[in-house]
Structures are given as C-alpha cells and as structure tokens.
C-alpha cells in the first residue's frame, strides 16, 4: 500500500518566504532555492527512511547550497511534510509555532 503524502498548511509559505529573501539579495536566487526545496522534498517522498532524526524526534533532510532543512515525520501509512526551516533556527521554538 502506498504511503499518503500531506503537507502542513504553512509548508509552502516557508518556501516562498525564504525564496523572497533570496530574490531580494540576488534576482533568480529565490528560484534556485525553490528548485532545490522541490528536489529534496521529492527525495524525501521517495525514501523518507534515509534521513536522520533531530533531537526532538523529527526527520530532516538538508538542502544543498542553502542552509535550510525540510522537516517531516512519517509512518507506514503517511508522510507529513512539516516545513522548511533555516538551519540556525531552533527546531523546538519552530515546533511551537506549528501547533
């Protein structure tokens, strides 16, 4: 049975907020960020078990070229893509904003 995939309602806004920040620094860099976020998200969907755990028990995948993480959780039935977080931010504080 295939695992269902769900996105937290703030997942897209995480990506777009970071992309806007990068575009304000250098035009086109935001597009590169979105493409990399899409690439790693697709990799997570294919094989979530390949990625490590945060101290809080969430799974994460690092983006290449950008200091961001895709945070997610999964079971046999479902993959939940929680958000995209700058690597310097506190995962614990970020989790409080998602409840």
Protein backbone atom coordinates (compact mmCIF):
# COMPACT_ATOMS: atom_id res chain seq x y z
CA UNK A 1 0.00 0.00 0.00
CA UNK A 2 1.33 3.42 -0.95
CA UNK A 3 2.05 5.95 1.77
CA UNK A 4 -0.10 9.10 1.57
CA UNK A 5 1.68 12.45 1.49
CA UNK A 6 0.40 15.51 3.35
CA UNK A 7 1.86 19.00 3.62
CA UNK A 8 1.49 21.21 6.68
CA UNK A 9 -0.55 24.26 5.71
CA UNK A 10 2.50 26.51 6.28
CA UNK A 11 4.93 24.41 4.21
CA UNK A 12 4.51 26.46 1.02
CA UNK A 13 4.75 29.77 2.88
CA UNK A 14 8.05 28.61 4.43
CA UNK A 15 9.45 28.00 0.95
CA UNK A 16 8.09 31.24 -0.52
CA UNK A 17 9.28 33.38 2.39
CA UNK A 18 12.83 32.05 2.04
CA UNK A 19 12.69 32.39 -1.76
CA UNK A 20 11.64 36.04 -1.45
CA UNK A 21 14.52 36.68 0.94
CA UNK A 22 17.00 35.17 -1.55
CA UNK A 23 15.48 37.06 -4.51
CA UNK A 24 15.94 40.32 -2.59
CA UNK A 25 19.66 39.51 -2.36
CA UNK A 26 20.14 38.34 -5.95
CA UNK A 27 17.49 38.02 -8.65
CA UNK A 28 16.99 34.37 -9.59
CA UNK A 29 18.41 33.00 -6.35
CA UNK A 30 14.89 32.54 -4.99
CA UNK A 31 14.04 30.35 -7.98
CA UNK A 32 17.15 28.29 -7.31
CA UNK A 33 16.02 27.89 -3.70
CA UNK A 34 12.53 26.75 -4.73
CA UNK A 35 14.02 24.24 -7.17
CA UNK A 36 16.32 22.81 -4.51
CA UNK A 37 13.49 22.65 -1.96
CA UNK A 38 11.39 20.80 -4.54
CA UNK A 39 14.24 18.40 -5.35
CA UNK A 40 14.89 17.44 -1.73
CA UNK A 41 11.16 17.19 -0.97
CA UNK A 42 10.75 14.74 -3.83
CA UNK A 43 13.71 12.73 -2.50
CA UNK A 44 12.10 12.63 0.94
CA UNK A 45 8.81 11.43 -0.56
CA UNK A 46 10.62 8.60 -2.36
CA UNK A 47 12.69 7.42 0.63
CA UNK A 48 11.94 9.12 3.97
CA UNK A 49 13.72 6.42 5.95
CA UNK A 50 17.11 7.57 4.56
CA UNK A 51 17.13 10.77 6.58
CA UNK A 52 18.26 11.46 10.13
CA UNK A 53 16.43 12.47 13.27
CA UNK A 54 16.51 15.82 15.05
CA UNK A 55 16.91 15.84 18.85
CA UNK A 56 13.13 16.35 19.04
CA UNK A 57 12.42 13.19 17.03
CA UNK A 58 11.50 14.76 13.69
CA UNK A 59 13.19 13.66 10.50
CA UNK A 60 15.13 16.17 8.42
CA UNK A 61 16.75 16.50 5.02
CA UNK A 62 19.32 19.20 4.25
CA UNK A 63 19.08 21.31 1.13
CA UNK A 64 22.22 21.60 -0.96
CA UNK A 65 23.66 25.10 -1.41
CA UNK A 66 21.23 26.65 1.09
CA UNK A 67 21.35 26.40 4.92
CA UNK A 68 17.82 25.01 5.21
CA UNK A 69 16.19 21.79 6.35
CA UNK A 70 13.00 20.08 5.25
CA UNK A 71 11.37 18.74 8.41
CA UNK A 72 9.00 15.80 8.24
CA UNK A 73 7.55 12.81 10.02
CA UNK A 74 6.34 9.53 8.60
CA UNK A 75 4.73 6.22 9.38
CA UNK A 76 3.86 3.22 7.22
CA UNK A 77 0.64 4.96 6.20
CA UNK A 78 1.58 8.64 5.90
CA UNK A 79 4.36 11.12 5.23
CA UNK A 80 3.79 14.57 6.73
CA UNK A 81 5.98 17.35 5.35
CA UNK A 82 6.04 19.85 8.20
CA UNK A 83 8.06 22.76 6.91
CA UNK A 84 11.29 24.31 5.72
CA UNK A 85 13.50 25.79 8.42
CA UNK A 86 16.76 27.75 8.37
CA UNK A 87 19.43 25.60 9.97
CA UNK A 88 20.35 28.30 12.51
CA UNK A 89 16.84 28.44 13.97
CA UNK A 90 15.75 26.43 16.98
CA UNK A 91 13.69 23.41 15.97
CA UNK A 92 12.00 23.41 19.36
CA UNK A 93 10.89 27.06 19.04
CA UNK A 94 9.79 26.43 15.45
CA UNK A 95 7.69 23.44 16.53
CA UNK A 96 5.78 25.66 18.95
CA UNK A 97 4.64 27.81 16.01
CA UNK A 98 3.22 24.72 14.26
CA UNK A 99 0.81 23.59 16.97
